[in-house]
Amino acid sequence: MTAGRVDMGLMNEAPELRMIANFGVGFAASERRIPASNTPVVTDATADLTFTLMLALARRVLEGDRITRAGQFRFWAPMHFLGQGVSGKTLGIIGLGRIGRAAARRAKGFQMEILYHSRGRLDSAQEKDLGITYCGLDTLLGRADFVSLHVPLTGVTRHLIGREELALMRPSAYLINTHLGALWWTKKPCWRPP
């Protein structure tokens, strides 16, 4: 299944259903005792996408592409779409599962300071190995140049980021959400132009 929701209604329509496989991260169908599996290949792809989005936003790639394709780029202006760097900036990772850890490993290559907030804190040896620092959510939001969400959509994480949380972020900070359920994360549309 590539889109949609596998819920009790759908499962009841398939009384012979024996297994649910998801191309991504999924949850077990425990009420019907149906095993659920996932395809963890999305870990590296999603961590790569996280950095693709960070670089594209920071370096204003989409803006430059749009203006160039529209024929509006007619002069040499090396600083016009330079944007800001990613190297040496602070990345805040919310949720340190497989994808969050993969994003942290990539951030080390950019010499980024890496902060994280997760439901469980790693031991000091794991934090040292990944080069990350645990902090509270408000601290992370206030310090990070880039905030990347890597938590599953649950009752606890639904509405995790809203207007109040965005207000804690630096005006120049970017929020990266590569979760398939991205549209469900915010309380209301909160995007504001740069």
N, C-alpha and C. Protein backbone atom coordinates (compact mmCIF):
# COMPACT_ATOMS: atom_id res chain seq x y z
N MET A 1 0.85 -1.18 0.00
CA MET A 1 0.00 0.00 0.00
C MET A 1 0.89 1.23 0.00
N THR A 2 0.69 2.14 -0.89
CA THR A 2 1.55 3.31 -0.99
C THR A 2 0.97 4.54 -0.30
N ALA A 3 -0.30 4.59 -0.08
CA ALA A 3 -0.91 5.73 0.58
C ALA A 3 -2.16 5.24 1.29
N GLY A 4 -2.62 6.05 2.21
CA GLY A 4 -3.84 5.68 2.92
C GLY A 4 -3.54 5.16 4.30
N ARG A 5 -4.57 4.73 4.95
CA ARG A 5 -4.47 4.33 6.34
C ARG A 5 -5.00 2.91 6.49
N VAL A 6 -4.25 2.08 7.16
CA VAL A 6 -4.71 0.73 7.47
C VAL A 6 -5.28 0.79 8.89
N ASP A 7 -6.61 0.86 8.98
CA ASP A 7 -7.26 0.94 10.27
C ASP A 7 -8.21 -0.25 10.44
N MET A 8 -8.94 -0.29 11.54
CA MET A 8 -9.84 -1.43 11.79
C MET A 8 -10.88 -1.56 10.69
N GLY A 9 -11.36 -0.45 10.15
CA GLY A 9 -12.35 -0.53 9.07
C GLY A 9 -11.80 -1.27 7.86
N LEU A 10 -10.60 -0.94 7.46
CA LEU A 10 -9.98 -1.61 6.32
C LEU A 10 -9.67 -3.06 6.65
N MET A 11 -9.16 -3.32 7.84
CA MET A 11 -8.85 -4.69 8.22
C MET A 11 -10.10 -5.56 8.29
N ASN A 12 -11.22 -4.98 8.73
CA ASN A 12 -12.48 -5.74 8.79
C ASN A 12 -12.99 -6.09 7.40
N GLU A 13 -12.62 -5.30 6.40
CA GLU A 13 -13.00 -5.60 5.01
C GLU A 13 -12.17 -6.74 4.43
N ALA A 14 -11.11 -7.12 5.13
CA ALA A 14 -10.22 -8.18 4.65
C ALA A 14 -10.09 -9.25 5.74
N PRO A 15 -11.13 -10.09 5.92
CA PRO A 15 -11.11 -11.06 7.02
C PRO A 15 -9.99 -12.10 6.91
N GLU A 16 -9.44 -12.30 5.72
CA GLU A 16 -8.35 -13.27 5.54
C GLU A 16 -6.97 -12.63 5.65
N LEU A 17 -6.92 -11.37 6.00
CA LEU A 17 -5.66 -10.64 6.11
C LEU A 17 -4.74 -11.33 7.12
N ARG A 18 -3.51 -11.60 6.72
CA ARG A 18 -2.57 -12.32 7.57
C ARG A 18 -1.36 -11.47 7.97
N MET A 19 -1.07 -10.43 7.22
CA MET A 19 0.09 -9.59 7.54
C MET A 19 -0.08 -8.23 6.88
N ILE A 20 0.50 -7.21 7.53
CA ILE A 20 0.52 -5.85 6.98
C ILE A 20 1.98 -5.47 6.82
N ALA A 21 2.38 -5.08 5.62
CA ALA A 21 3.74 -4.63 5.37
C ALA A 21 3.69 -3.18 4.91
N ASN A 22 4.56 -2.38 5.45
CA ASN A 22 4.55 -0.95 5.19
C ASN A 22 5.91 -0.54 4.64
N PHE A 23 5.91 0.30 3.62
CA PHE A 23 7.15 0.86 3.09
C PHE A 23 7.48 2.09 3.92
N GLY A 24 7.98 1.87 5.09
CA GLY A 24 8.26 2.95 6.02
C GLY A 24 8.20 2.39 7.42
N VAL A 25 7.79 3.21 8.36
CA VAL A 25 7.70 2.79 9.75
C VAL A 25 6.24 2.56 10.07
N GLY A 26 5.93 1.48 10.73
CA GLY A 26 4.53 1.15 10.99
C GLY A 26 4.32 0.64 12.40
N PHE A 27 3.08 0.36 12.71
CA PHE A 27 2.71 -0.14 14.02
C PHE A 27 2.01 -1.48 13.86
N ALA A 28 2.11 -2.31 14.86
CA ALA A 28 1.48 -3.63 14.80
C ALA A 28 -0.03 -3.52 14.95
N ALA A 29 -0.73 -4.38 14.29
CA ALA A 29 -2.19 -4.44 14.38
C ALA A 29 -2.53 -5.41 15.51
N SER A 30 -2.27 -5.02 16.75
CA SER A 30 -2.35 -5.93 17.88
C SER A 30 -3.76 -6.39 18.18
N GLU A 31 -4.76 -5.57 17.94
CA GLU A 31 -6.13 -5.95 18.25
C GLU A 31 -6.56 -7.19 17.47
N ARG A 32 -6.12 -7.31 16.22
CA ARG A 32 -6.46 -8.47 15.39
C ARG A 32 -5.35 -9.51 15.40
N ARG A 33 -4.28 -9.26 16.14
CA ARG A 33 -3.13 -10.16 16.21
C ARG A 33 -2.56 -10.45 14.82
N ILE A 34 -2.45 -9.39 14.04
CA ILE A 34 -1.87 -9.47 12.69
C ILE A 34 -0.48 -8.88 12.77
N PRO A 35 0.54 -9.63 12.37
CA PRO A 35 1.89 -9.05 12.40
C PRO A 35 2.01 -7.90 11.40
N ALA A 36 2.76 -6.91 11.79
CA ALA A 36 3.02 -5.77 10.91
C ALA A 36 4.52 -5.63 10.77
N SER A 37 4.97 -5.33 9.57
CA SER A 37 6.40 -5.15 9.34
C SER A 37 6.62 -3.85 8.59
N ASN A 38 7.86 -3.46 8.51
CA ASN A 38 8.19 -2.28 7.74
C ASN A 38 9.43 -2.55 6.91
N THR A 39 9.72 -1.62 6.05
CA THR A 39 10.89 -1.71 5.19
C THR A 39 11.85 -0.61 5.64
N PRO A 40 12.86 -0.95 6.45
CA PRO A 40 13.71 0.09 7.02
C PRO A 40 14.65 0.77 6.04
N VAL A 41 14.54 0.47 4.75
CA VAL A 41 15.40 1.14 3.79
C VAL A 41 15.15 2.65 3.76
N VAL A 42 14.04 3.08 4.31
CA VAL A 42 13.75 4.51 4.30
C VAL A 42 14.63 5.29 5.28
N THR A 43 15.36 4.61 6.16
CA THR A 43 16.19 5.30 7.14
C THR A 43 17.21 6.19 6.45
N ASP A 44 18.06 5.62 5.62
CA ASP A 44 19.09 6.42 4.94
C ASP A 44 18.47 7.41 3.96
N ALA A 45 17.44 6.97 3.24
CA ALA A 45 16.81 7.87 2.27
C ALA A 45 16.21 9.09 2.97
N THR A 46 15.58 8.89 4.12
CA THR A 46 14.97 10.00 4.83
C THR A 46 16.03 10.91 5.44
N ALA A 47 17.11 10.34 5.97
CA ALA A 47 18.19 11.17 6.51
C ALA A 47 18.84 11.98 5.38
N ASP A 48 19.00 11.36 4.20
CA ASP A 48 19.53 12.09 3.04
C ASP A 48 18.59 13.23 2.66
N LEU A 49 17.29 12.93 2.64
CA LEU A 49 16.30 13.96 2.29
C LEU A 49 16.34 15.12 3.30
N THR A 50 16.53 14.79 4.57
CA THR A 50 16.65 15.84 5.59
C THR A 50 17.76 16.82 5.22
N PHE A 51 18.92 16.28 4.85
CA PHE A 51 20.04 17.16 4.50
C PHE A 51 19.84 17.82 3.15
N THR A 52 19.18 17.16 2.24
CA THR A 52 18.85 17.80 0.96
C THR A 52 18.00 19.04 1.21
N LEU A 53 16.98 18.91 2.04
CA LEU A 53 16.11 20.04 2.35
C LEU A 53 16.86 21.13 3.10
N MET A 54 17.71 20.75 4.04
CA MET A 54 18.50 21.76 4.77
C MET A 54 19.36 22.57 3.84
N LEU A 55 20.08 21.88 2.96
CA LEU A 55 20.97 22.58 2.02
C LEU A 55 20.18 23.43 1.03
N ALA A 56 19.08 22.89 0.53
CA ALA A 56 18.27 23.64 -0.45
C ALA A 56 17.68 24.90 0.18
N LEU A 57 17.21 24.79 1.41
CA LEU A 57 16.64 25.97 2.08
C LEU A 57 17.71 26.99 2.44
N ALA A 58 18.78 26.52 3.06
CA ALA A 58 19.83 27.44 3.50
C ALA A 58 20.49 28.14 2.32
N ARG A 59 20.70 27.43 1.24
CA ARG A 59 21.38 28.01 0.09
C ARG A 59 20.43 28.57 -0.97
N ARG A 60 19.14 28.61 -0.66
CA ARG A 60 18.12 29.24 -1.51
C ARG A 60 18.08 28.64 -2.92
N VAL A 61 18.26 27.34 -3.00
CA VAL A 61 18.33 26.65 -4.28
C VAL A 61 17.02 26.80 -5.07
N LEU A 62 15.90 26.60 -4.42
CA LEU A 62 14.62 26.67 -5.14
C LEU A 62 14.32 28.08 -5.66
N GLU A 63 14.64 29.08 -4.85
CA GLU A 63 14.44 30.46 -5.31
C GLU A 63 15.29 30.75 -6.54
N GLY A 64 16.56 30.38 -6.46
CA GLY A 64 17.47 30.62 -7.59
C GLY A 64 17.02 29.88 -8.83
N ASP A 65 16.59 28.65 -8.67
CA ASP A 65 16.10 27.86 -9.81
C ASP A 65 14.86 28.52 -10.43
N ARG A 66 13.93 28.92 -9.59
CA ARG A 66 12.70 29.53 -10.08
C ARG A 66 12.98 30.82 -10.86
N ILE A 67 13.84 31.66 -10.33
CA ILE A 67 14.14 32.93 -11.00
C ILE A 67 14.91 32.68 -12.29
N THR A 68 15.83 31.74 -12.27
CA THR A 68 16.59 31.42 -13.48
C THR A 68 15.69 30.88 -14.57
N ARG A 69 14.80 29.94 -14.23
CA ARG A 69 13.88 29.36 -15.21
C ARG A 69 12.90 30.39 -15.77
N ALA A 70 12.57 31.39 -14.95
CA ALA A 70 11.65 32.43 -15.41
C ALA A 70 12.36 33.49 -16.25
N GLY A 71 13.68 33.33 -16.45
CA GLY A 71 14.43 34.28 -17.25
C GLY A 71 14.70 35.59 -16.54
N GLN A 72 14.60 35.62 -15.23
CA GLN A 72 14.77 36.86 -14.47
C GLN A 72 16.19 37.03 -13.93
N PHE A 73 17.04 36.03 -14.11
CA PHE A 73 18.43 36.15 -13.65
C PHE A 73 19.26 36.60 -14.84
N ARG A 74 19.61 37.90 -14.87
CA ARG A 74 20.25 38.47 -16.05
C ARG A 74 21.58 39.15 -15.75
N PHE A 75 22.07 39.02 -14.56
CA PHE A 75 23.31 39.72 -14.23
C PHE A 75 24.13 38.89 -13.26
N TRP A 76 25.41 39.14 -13.23
CA TRP A 76 26.31 38.44 -12.33
C TRP A 76 26.17 39.03 -10.94
N ALA A 77 25.72 38.23 -10.00
CA ALA A 77 25.54 38.67 -8.62
C ALA A 77 25.89 37.50 -7.69
N PRO A 78 27.17 37.29 -7.46
CA PRO A 78 27.59 36.09 -6.73
C PRO A 78 27.03 35.98 -5.32
N MET A 79 26.62 37.05 -4.73
CA MET A 79 26.10 37.00 -3.36
C MET A 79 24.57 36.97 -3.33
N HIS A 80 23.92 37.12 -4.48
CA HIS A 80 22.46 37.27 -4.52
C HIS A 80 21.73 36.08 -3.92
N PHE A 81 22.05 34.87 -4.31
CA PHE A 81 21.39 33.69 -3.77
C PHE A 81 22.33 32.81 -2.96
N LEU A 82 23.32 33.42 -2.35
CA LEU A 82 24.29 32.67 -1.57
C LEU A 82 23.63 31.99 -0.38
N GLY A 83 22.70 32.67 0.27
CA GLY A 83 22.06 32.10 1.44
C GLY A 83 23.03 31.99 2.59
N GLN A 84 22.77 31.02 3.46
CA GLN A 84 23.65 30.82 4.61
C GLN A 84 24.25 29.43 4.56
N GLY A 85 25.32 29.26 5.27
CA GLY A 85 25.97 27.96 5.31
C GLY A 85 25.26 26.99 6.23
N VAL A 86 25.60 25.73 6.09
CA VAL A 86 25.11 24.68 6.97
C VAL A 86 26.23 24.22 7.89
N SER A 87 27.44 24.18 7.36
CA SER A 87 28.60 23.75 8.16
C SER A 87 28.77 24.64 9.38
N GLY A 88 29.01 24.01 10.50
CA GLY A 88 29.25 24.74 11.74
C GLY A 88 28.00 25.26 12.43
N LYS A 89 26.84 25.07 11.85
CA LYS A 89 25.59 25.52 12.47
C LYS A 89 25.12 24.51 13.50
N THR A 90 24.02 24.81 14.16
CA THR A 90 23.47 23.93 15.17
C THR A 90 22.23 23.23 14.63
N LEU A 91 22.24 21.90 14.71
CA LEU A 91 21.10 21.08 14.30
C LEU A 91 20.42 20.55 15.55
N GLY A 92 19.12 20.76 15.64
CA GLY A 92 18.32 20.19 16.72
C GLY A 92 17.50 19.05 16.17
N ILE A 93 17.70 17.86 16.69
CA ILE A 93 16.96 16.68 16.24
C ILE A 93 15.94 16.31 17.31
N ILE A 94 14.69 16.27 16.91
CA ILE A 94 13.63 15.86 17.83
C ILE A 94 13.24 14.44 17.45
N GLY A 95 13.57 13.50 18.33
CA GLY A 95 13.33 12.09 18.08
C GLY A 95 14.61 11.44 17.59
N LEU A 96 15.17 10.54 18.39
CA LEU A 96 16.46 9.96 18.04
C LEU A 96 16.34 8.46 17.82
N GLY A 97 15.42 8.09 16.94
CA GLY A 97 15.33 6.70 16.50
C GLY A 97 16.33 6.47 15.38
N ARG A 98 16.05 5.48 14.52
CA ARG A 98 16.98 5.16 13.43
C ARG A 98 17.23 6.36 12.52
N ILE A 99 16.18 7.06 12.12
CA ILE A 99 16.34 8.17 11.19
C ILE A 99 17.03 9.35 11.88
N GLY A 100 16.65 9.66 13.10
CA GLY A 100 17.31 10.74 13.84
C GLY A 100 18.80 10.50 14.01
N ARG A 101 19.16 9.25 14.30
CA ARG A 101 20.58 8.91 14.45
C ARG A 101 21.32 9.01 13.12
N ALA A 102 20.66 8.57 12.05
CA ALA A 102 21.28 8.67 10.72
C ALA A 102 21.49 10.14 10.35
N ALA A 103 20.54 11.00 10.69
CA ALA A 103 20.71 12.43 10.44
C ALA A 103 21.86 13.00 11.26
N ALA A 104 21.99 12.54 12.51
CA ALA A 104 23.09 13.00 13.37
C ALA A 104 24.44 12.61 12.78
N ARG A 105 24.54 11.39 12.25
CA ARG A 105 25.81 10.96 11.64
C ARG A 105 26.16 11.84 10.45
N ARG A 106 25.18 12.23 9.66
CA ARG A 106 25.44 13.11 8.52
C ARG A 106 25.85 14.50 8.99
N ALA A 107 25.24 14.97 10.07
CA ALA A 107 25.55 16.31 10.59
C ALA A 107 27.00 16.41 11.06
N LYS A 108 27.54 15.31 11.56
CA LYS A 108 28.95 15.31 11.98
C LYS A 108 29.86 15.67 10.81
N GLY A 109 29.50 15.24 9.61
CA GLY A 109 30.30 15.56 8.42
C GLY A 109 30.26 17.03 8.07
N PHE A 110 29.27 17.74 8.57
CA PHE A 110 29.16 19.19 8.34
C PHE A 110 29.67 19.97 9.56
N GLN A 111 30.34 19.29 10.48
CA GLN A 111 30.87 19.91 11.70
C GLN A 111 29.79 20.70 12.45
N MET A 112 28.59 20.15 12.48
CA MET A 112 27.49 20.82 13.16
C MET A 112 27.49 20.48 14.65
N GLU A 113 27.06 21.43 15.46
CA GLU A 113 26.73 21.12 16.85
C GLU A 113 25.37 20.42 16.79
N ILE A 114 25.23 19.30 17.46
CA ILE A 114 24.00 18.52 17.36
C ILE A 114 23.35 18.41 18.73
N LEU A 115 22.15 18.97 18.83
CA LEU A 115 21.34 18.87 20.03
C LEU A 115 20.23 17.87 19.74
N TYR A 116 19.77 17.17 20.77
CA TYR A 116 18.63 16.29 20.54
C TYR A 116 17.69 16.29 21.72
N HIS A 117 16.44 16.01 21.41
CA HIS A 117 15.40 15.82 22.42
C HIS A 117 14.63 14.59 22.01
N SER A 118 14.47 13.67 22.93
CA SER A 118 13.81 12.41 22.63
C SER A 118 13.14 11.91 23.88
N ARG A 119 12.21 10.98 23.73
CA ARG A 119 11.51 10.47 24.91
C ARG A 119 12.44 9.73 25.86
N GLY A 120 13.53 9.20 25.34
CA GLY A 120 14.53 8.55 26.17
C GLY A 120 15.90 9.10 25.87
N ARG A 121 16.67 9.33 26.89
CA ARG A 121 18.01 9.86 26.71
C ARG A 121 19.00 8.71 26.52
N LEU A 122 19.93 8.88 25.62
CA LEU A 122 20.98 7.88 25.41
C LEU A 122 21.96 7.93 26.57
N ASP A 123 22.74 6.86 26.75
CA ASP A 123 23.79 6.93 27.76
C ASP A 123 24.93 7.79 27.24
N SER A 124 25.81 8.20 28.13
CA SER A 124 26.86 9.16 27.77
C SER A 124 27.79 8.62 26.69
N ALA A 125 28.05 7.32 26.68
CA ALA A 125 28.92 6.75 25.65
C ALA A 125 28.29 6.86 24.26
N GLN A 126 26.98 6.62 24.17
CA GLN A 126 26.28 6.75 22.88
C GLN A 126 26.24 8.21 22.44
N GLU A 127 26.00 9.11 23.38
CA GLU A 127 25.99 10.54 23.04
C GLU A 127 27.37 10.97 22.53
N LYS A 128 28.41 10.51 23.19
CA LYS A 128 29.76 10.86 22.77
C LYS A 128 30.06 10.29 21.39
N ASP A 129 29.65 9.05 21.14
CA ASP A 129 29.90 8.41 19.85
C ASP A 129 29.21 9.18 18.71
N LEU A 130 27.99 9.63 18.95
CA LEU A 130 27.26 10.38 17.92
C LEU A 130 27.64 11.86 17.92
N GLY A 131 28.30 12.33 18.97
CA GLY A 131 28.66 13.75 19.06
C GLY A 131 27.45 14.64 19.28
N ILE A 132 26.55 14.18 20.16
CA ILE A 132 25.29 14.90 20.37
C ILE A 132 25.11 15.27 21.84
N THR A 133 24.26 16.27 22.07
CA THR A 133 23.98 16.75 23.42
C THR A 133 22.47 16.75 23.64
N TYR A 134 22.04 16.15 24.75
CA TYR A 134 20.62 16.12 25.10
C TYR A 134 20.22 17.46 25.71
N CYS A 135 19.01 17.92 25.39
CA CYS A 135 18.48 19.12 26.04
C CYS A 135 16.95 19.09 25.98
N GLY A 136 16.33 19.97 26.73
CA GLY A 136 14.89 20.10 26.71
C GLY A 136 14.41 20.66 25.38
N LEU A 137 13.15 20.43 25.07
CA LEU A 137 12.59 20.86 23.79
C LEU A 137 12.69 22.37 23.61
N ASP A 138 12.34 23.15 24.63
CA ASP A 138 12.39 24.60 24.50
C ASP A 138 13.82 25.09 24.25
N THR A 139 14.79 24.50 24.93
CA THR A 139 16.19 24.87 24.73
C THR A 139 16.62 24.55 23.31
N LEU A 140 16.28 23.35 22.85
CA LEU A 140 16.62 22.94 21.48
C LEU A 140 16.04 23.92 20.47
N LEU A 141 14.76 24.24 20.62
CA LEU A 141 14.10 25.15 19.67
C LEU A 141 14.75 26.53 19.68
N GLY A 142 15.18 26.98 20.84
CA GLY A 142 15.78 28.31 20.95
C GLY A 142 17.21 28.39 20.43
N ARG A 143 17.93 27.28 20.42
CA ARG A 143 19.34 27.31 20.03
C ARG A 143 19.62 26.85 18.61
N ALA A 144 18.75 26.04 18.04
CA ALA A 144 19.06 25.40 16.76
C ALA A 144 18.87 26.34 15.57
N ASP A 145 19.77 26.20 14.60
CA ASP A 145 19.61 26.88 13.32
C ASP A 145 18.70 26.06 12.40
N PHE A 146 18.71 24.75 12.61
CA PHE A 146 17.87 23.82 11.87
C PHE A 146 17.25 22.86 12.88
N VAL A 147 15.95 22.68 12.82
CA VAL A 147 15.25 21.72 13.68
C VAL A 147 14.67 20.66 12.76
N SER A 148 14.99 19.40 13.06
CA SER A 148 14.53 18.29 12.23
C SER A 148 13.70 17.33 13.07
N LEU A 149 12.46 17.10 12.64
CA LEU A 149 11.54 16.22 13.36
C LEU A 149 11.68 14.78 12.90
N HIS A 150 11.85 13.87 13.85
CA HIS A 150 11.99 12.45 13.53
C HIS A 150 11.27 11.60 14.57
N VAL A 151 10.04 11.96 14.89
CA VAL A 151 9.24 11.21 15.86
C VAL A 151 8.02 10.63 15.16
N PRO A 152 7.54 9.48 15.63
CA PRO A 152 6.32 8.93 15.04
C PRO A 152 5.11 9.76 15.44
N LEU A 153 4.09 9.71 14.63
CA LEU A 153 2.85 10.42 14.96
C LEU A 153 2.06 9.59 15.95
N THR A 154 1.99 10.09 17.19
CA THR A 154 1.25 9.42 18.25
C THR A 154 0.41 10.46 18.97
N GLY A 155 -0.34 10.03 19.95
CA GLY A 155 -1.11 10.97 20.76
C GLY A 155 -0.22 11.98 21.47
N VAL A 156 0.99 11.56 21.83
CA VAL A 156 1.92 12.45 22.52
C VAL A 156 2.57 13.44 21.56
N THR A 157 2.90 12.99 20.33
CA THR A 157 3.61 13.86 19.40
C THR A 157 2.69 14.67 18.50
N ARG A 158 1.42 14.30 18.42
CA ARG A 158 0.47 15.09 17.61
C ARG A 158 0.43 16.51 18.18
N HIS A 159 0.55 17.49 17.33
CA HIS A 159 0.57 18.90 17.72
C HIS A 159 1.82 19.27 18.54
N LEU A 160 2.88 18.53 18.33
CA LEU A 160 4.14 18.81 19.03
C LEU A 160 4.68 20.19 18.67
N ILE A 161 4.53 20.58 17.40
CA ILE A 161 5.02 21.87 16.94
C ILE A 161 3.83 22.72 16.51
N GLY A 162 3.68 23.85 17.15
CA GLY A 162 2.61 24.80 16.83
C GLY A 162 3.16 26.22 16.92
N ARG A 163 2.29 27.17 16.98
CA ARG A 163 2.70 28.58 17.01
C ARG A 163 3.65 28.89 18.17
N GLU A 164 3.33 28.36 19.35
CA GLU A 164 4.17 28.66 20.52
C GLU A 164 5.59 28.12 20.33
N GLU A 165 5.69 26.92 19.79
CA GLU A 165 7.01 26.32 19.57
C GLU A 165 7.77 27.06 18.48
N LEU A 166 7.08 27.44 17.42
CA LEU A 166 7.72 28.21 16.35
C LEU A 166 8.21 29.55 16.88
N ALA A 167 7.48 30.14 17.81
CA ALA A 167 7.88 31.43 18.38
C ALA A 167 9.17 31.31 19.20
N LEU A 168 9.47 30.11 19.69
CA LEU A 168 10.72 29.91 20.44
C LEU A 168 11.94 29.84 19.53
N MET A 169 11.71 29.54 18.26
CA MET A 169 12.82 29.37 17.31
C MET A 169 13.38 30.72 16.89
N ARG A 170 14.65 30.71 16.53
CA ARG A 170 15.29 31.91 15.99
C ARG A 170 14.55 32.33 14.72
N PRO A 171 14.47 33.62 14.42
CA PRO A 171 13.81 34.05 13.17
C PRO A 171 14.47 33.48 11.92
N SER A 172 15.76 33.16 12.01
CA SER A 172 16.49 32.65 10.84
C SER A 172 16.50 31.12 10.79
N ALA A 173 15.89 30.45 11.76
CA ALA A 173 15.94 28.99 11.84
C ALA A 173 14.97 28.34 10.85
N TYR A 174 15.28 27.10 10.50
CA TYR A 174 14.45 26.32 9.58
C TYR A 174 13.91 25.09 10.31
N LEU A 175 12.67 24.74 10.01
CA LEU A 175 12.04 23.54 10.53
C LEU A 175 11.94 22.54 9.39
N ILE A 176 12.55 21.37 9.57
CA ILE A 176 12.56 20.32 8.56
C ILE A 176 11.69 19.17 9.07
N ASN A 177 10.70 18.78 8.29
CA ASN A 177 9.84 17.67 8.68
C ASN A 177 9.72 16.72 7.50
N THR A 178 10.41 15.61 7.57
CA THR A 178 10.39 14.64 6.47
C THR A 178 9.45 13.48 6.75
N HIS A 179 8.65 13.58 7.80
CA HIS A 179 7.71 12.53 8.15
C HIS A 179 6.57 12.49 7.14
N LEU A 180 6.13 11.30 6.77
CA LEU A 180 5.03 11.16 5.81
C LEU A 180 3.75 11.82 6.31
N GLY A 181 3.58 11.89 7.61
CA GLY A 181 2.39 12.52 8.18
C GLY A 181 2.62 13.98 8.50
N ALA A 182 3.48 14.65 7.75
CA ALA A 182 3.88 16.02 8.07
C ALA A 182 2.70 16.96 8.23
N LEU A 183 1.66 16.80 7.46
CA LEU A 183 0.55 17.73 7.52
C LEU A 183 -0.23 17.62 8.82
N TRP A 184 -0.04 16.56 9.56
CA TRP A 184 -0.76 16.39 10.81
C TRP A 184 -0.01 16.93 12.01
N TRP A 185 1.18 17.44 11.82
CA TRP A 185 2.02 17.78 12.96
C TRP A 185 1.73 19.10 13.60
N THR A 186 1.32 20.07 12.85
CA THR A 186 1.14 21.40 13.43
C THR A 186 -0.31 21.63 13.80
N LYS A 187 -0.53 22.47 14.77
CA LYS A 187 -1.89 22.76 15.23
C LYS A 187 -2.68 23.50 14.15
N LYS A 188 -2.03 24.42 13.48
CA LYS A 188 -2.63 25.20 12.41
C LYS A 188 -1.52 25.49 11.41
N PRO A 189 -1.88 25.89 10.20
CA PRO A 189 -0.81 26.31 9.28
C PRO A 189 -0.03 27.46 9.93
N CYS A 190 1.26 27.29 10.05
CA CYS A 190 2.09 28.25 10.77
C CYS A 190 3.17 28.87 9.92
N TRP A 191 3.25 28.49 8.65
CA TRP A 191 4.34 28.97 7.81
C TRP A 191 4.26 30.46 7.65
N ARG A 192 5.41 31.11 7.72
CA ARG A 192 5.46 32.54 7.44
C ARG A 192 6.61 32.78 6.48
N PRO A 193 6.46 33.72 5.58
CA PRO A 193 7.52 33.96 4.61
C PRO A 193 8.79 34.44 5.32
N PRO A 194 9.98 34.16 4.71
CA PRO A 194 11.23 34.58 5.35
C PRO A 194 11.37 36.10 5.37
